[in-house]
Amino acid sequence: MNKRHRSSDTSPTHVFTRSAIASDPAWLPDMVALGKPSIAAEAYIQAYLADPGAWYWSTILLHDPKEMVLKRVLAIVEQAKLPDHEKALGQLGAGPLEDMMSDELLDHLQHWLPFTPAMRYALGQVRISAEHPALQRRLKAMLSR
């Protein structure tokens, strides 16, 4: 079984919504642990969108729990605008969204329907062809809403 499809430590009843992310800044990267000053949510999102190459580390699954990374991704996508942020959205799609692609991720994303153009773009960068056909169909159906 692909590691992306393992069950996670997050509660299946926990819903990631725009308001839940906005009300809980615990998802922000721990800058103090890196010897840097802490960063506010808006500053983090704008920094990521301006220079995704400098901030890629904050959305990989090596150092932080999946729930935190997903919240970061969703917060960034929520404020991204096309075509200005194609690079950042592409990085999020081909990186963490692809790494987390599973029925569990789609369950979380169900609460974000209908998808914004930015979310559609990011999800369009996911290499879905390697996934199970049922998952491919489900994502395609979500993207068509």
Protein backbone atom coordinates (compact mmCIF):
# COMPACT_ATOMS: atom_id res chain seq x y z
CA MET A 1 0.00 0.00 0.00
CA ASN A 2 1.23 3.45 -0.92
CA LYS A 3 2.18 5.52 2.13
CA ARG A 4 -0.12 8.28 0.94
CA HIS A 5 -3.09 6.03 1.55
CA ARG A 6 -2.38 5.08 5.14
CA SER A 7 -4.91 6.26 7.64
CA SER A 8 -3.73 9.36 9.40
CA ASP A 9 -3.64 10.45 12.97
CA THR A 10 -6.28 13.07 12.27
CA SER A 11 -9.83 12.49 13.35
CA PRO A 12 -12.12 11.62 10.45
CA THR A 13 -14.74 13.92 11.95
CA HIS A 14 -12.36 16.91 12.05
CA VAL A 15 -13.37 19.31 9.30
CA PHE A 16 -10.96 21.75 7.72
CA THR A 17 -12.93 24.84 6.78
CA ARG A 18 -11.96 28.39 5.96
CA SER A 19 -13.17 29.62 9.35
CA ALA A 20 -11.48 26.80 11.28
CA ILE A 21 -8.15 27.58 9.67
CA ALA A 22 -8.55 31.31 10.22
CA SER A 23 -9.41 30.88 13.90
CA ASP A 24 -6.50 28.59 14.81
CA PRO A 25 -2.98 29.88 14.04
CA ALA A 26 -1.35 26.68 15.38
CA TRP A 27 -0.87 25.58 11.75
CA LEU A 28 1.78 28.23 11.13
CA PRO A 29 5.39 27.06 10.79
CA ASP A 30 7.37 27.21 14.03
CA MET A 31 9.81 29.93 13.04
CA VAL A 32 11.15 30.27 16.59
CA ALA A 33 12.41 26.67 16.42
CA LEU A 34 14.38 27.76 13.35
CA GLY A 35 15.91 30.68 15.25
CA LYS A 36 13.73 33.25 13.49
CA PRO A 37 10.97 35.54 14.76
CA SER A 38 7.45 34.14 14.73
CA ILE A 39 5.31 35.02 11.75
CA ALA A 40 1.67 36.03 11.49
CA ALA A 41 -0.69 34.09 9.26
CA GLU A 42 -1.10 36.83 6.66
CA ALA A 43 2.65 37.46 6.50
CA TYR A 44 3.35 33.74 6.05
CA ILE A 45 0.78 33.35 3.28
CA GLN A 46 2.01 36.42 1.41
CA ALA A 47 5.66 35.33 1.80
CA TYR A 48 4.84 31.87 0.41
CA LEU A 49 2.90 33.31 -2.52
CA ALA A 50 5.69 35.79 -3.31
CA ASP A 51 8.52 33.23 -3.16
CA PRO A 52 7.33 29.61 -2.99
CA GLY A 53 10.87 28.35 -3.56
CA ALA A 54 12.04 29.94 -0.33
CA TRP A 55 9.09 28.54 1.63
CA TYR A 56 8.68 25.04 0.08
CA TRP A 57 10.02 23.47 3.28
CA SER A 58 6.93 24.63 5.18
CA THR A 59 4.57 22.45 3.13
CA ILE A 60 6.48 19.19 2.92
CA LEU A 61 5.41 16.28 5.08
CA LEU A 62 8.83 15.41 6.50
CA HIS A 63 8.79 17.59 9.61
CA ASP A 64 5.19 18.45 10.41
CA PRO A 65 1.99 16.45 10.81
CA LYS A 66 -0.26 16.10 7.79
CA GLU A 67 -3.04 18.12 9.45
CA MET A 68 -0.77 21.15 9.87
CA VAL A 69 0.58 20.94 6.34
CA LEU A 70 -2.94 20.62 4.93
CA LYS A 71 -4.06 23.71 6.83
CA ARG A 72 -1.07 25.64 5.46
CA VAL A 73 -1.86 24.51 1.93
CA LEU A 74 -5.53 25.44 2.26
CA ALA A 75 -4.74 28.84 3.77
CA ILE A 76 -2.31 29.62 0.94
CA VAL A 77 -4.66 28.42 -1.80
CA GLU A 78 -7.49 30.43 -0.26
CA GLN A 79 -5.58 33.69 -0.87
CA ALA A 80 -3.86 32.76 -4.14
CA LYS A 81 -4.93 34.50 -7.34
CA LEU A 82 -4.38 33.39 -10.90
CA PRO A 83 -2.28 34.04 -12.90
CA ASP A 84 -0.07 35.78 -10.32
CA HIS A 85 0.45 32.75 -8.11
CA GLU A 86 0.68 29.89 -10.64
CA LYS A 87 4.14 28.91 -9.40
CA ALA A 88 3.03 28.63 -5.78
CA LEU A 89 -0.15 26.75 -6.69
CA GLY A 90 1.77 24.39 -8.95
CA GLN A 91 4.23 23.67 -6.17
CA LEU A 92 1.38 22.95 -3.74
CA GLY A 93 -0.37 20.67 -6.23
CA ALA A 94 2.67 18.68 -7.33
CA GLY A 95 3.99 18.58 -3.77
CA PRO A 96 1.82 18.24 -0.68
CA LEU A 97 -1.56 17.79 -2.40
CA GLU A 98 -0.12 15.00 -4.54
CA ASP A 99 1.60 13.44 -1.52
CA MET A 100 -1.65 13.52 0.49
CA MET A 101 -3.95 12.44 -2.36
CA SER A 102 -6.40 9.96 -0.89
CA ASP A 103 -10.06 9.55 -0.10
CA GLU A 104 -9.31 11.20 3.23
CA LEU A 105 -7.98 14.32 1.49
CA LEU A 106 -10.99 14.44 -0.82
CA ASP A 107 -13.25 14.09 2.23
CA HIS A 108 -11.61 17.23 3.66
CA LEU A 109 -11.78 19.07 0.34
CA GLN A 110 -15.49 18.28 0.03
CA HIS A 111 -16.06 21.13 2.48
CA TRP A 112 -14.34 23.55 0.08
CA LEU A 113 -16.72 22.97 -2.84
CA PRO A 114 -17.22 24.63 -5.17
CA PHE A 115 -13.50 24.97 -5.73
CA THR A 116 -11.98 28.34 -6.48
CA PRO A 117 -9.96 28.72 -9.68
CA ALA A 118 -6.82 28.62 -7.51
CA MET A 119 -7.82 25.28 -5.94
CA ARG A 120 -8.71 23.86 -9.36
CA TYR A 121 -5.30 24.90 -10.66
CA ALA A 122 -3.45 23.37 -7.70
CA LEU A 123 -5.39 20.10 -7.95
CA GLY A 124 -4.78 20.10 -11.70
CA GLN A 125 -1.04 19.78 -10.97
CA VAL A 126 -1.52 16.50 -9.07
CA ARG A 127 -0.37 13.43 -11.01
CA ILE A 128 -3.58 11.51 -10.49
CA SER A 129 -2.91 8.80 -13.11
CA ALA A 130 -1.05 6.67 -10.53
CA GLU A 131 -4.02 6.64 -8.19
CA HIS A 132 -6.83 4.08 -8.01
CA PRO A 133 -9.47 4.63 -10.75
CA ALA A 134 -12.21 5.26 -8.18
CA LEU A 135 -10.14 8.05 -6.62
CA GLN A 136 -9.46 9.50 -10.07
CA ARG A 137 -13.19 9.54 -10.85
CA ARG A 138 -14.02 11.11 -7.51
CA LEU A 139 -11.53 13.95 -7.98
CA LYS A 140 -12.71 14.50 -11.55
CA ALA A 141 -16.32 14.74 -10.32
CA MET A 142 -15.32 17.24 -7.63
CA LEU A 143 -13.44 19.36 -10.16
CA SER A 144 -16.47 19.42 -12.45
CA ARG A 145 -18.74 21.00 -9.79
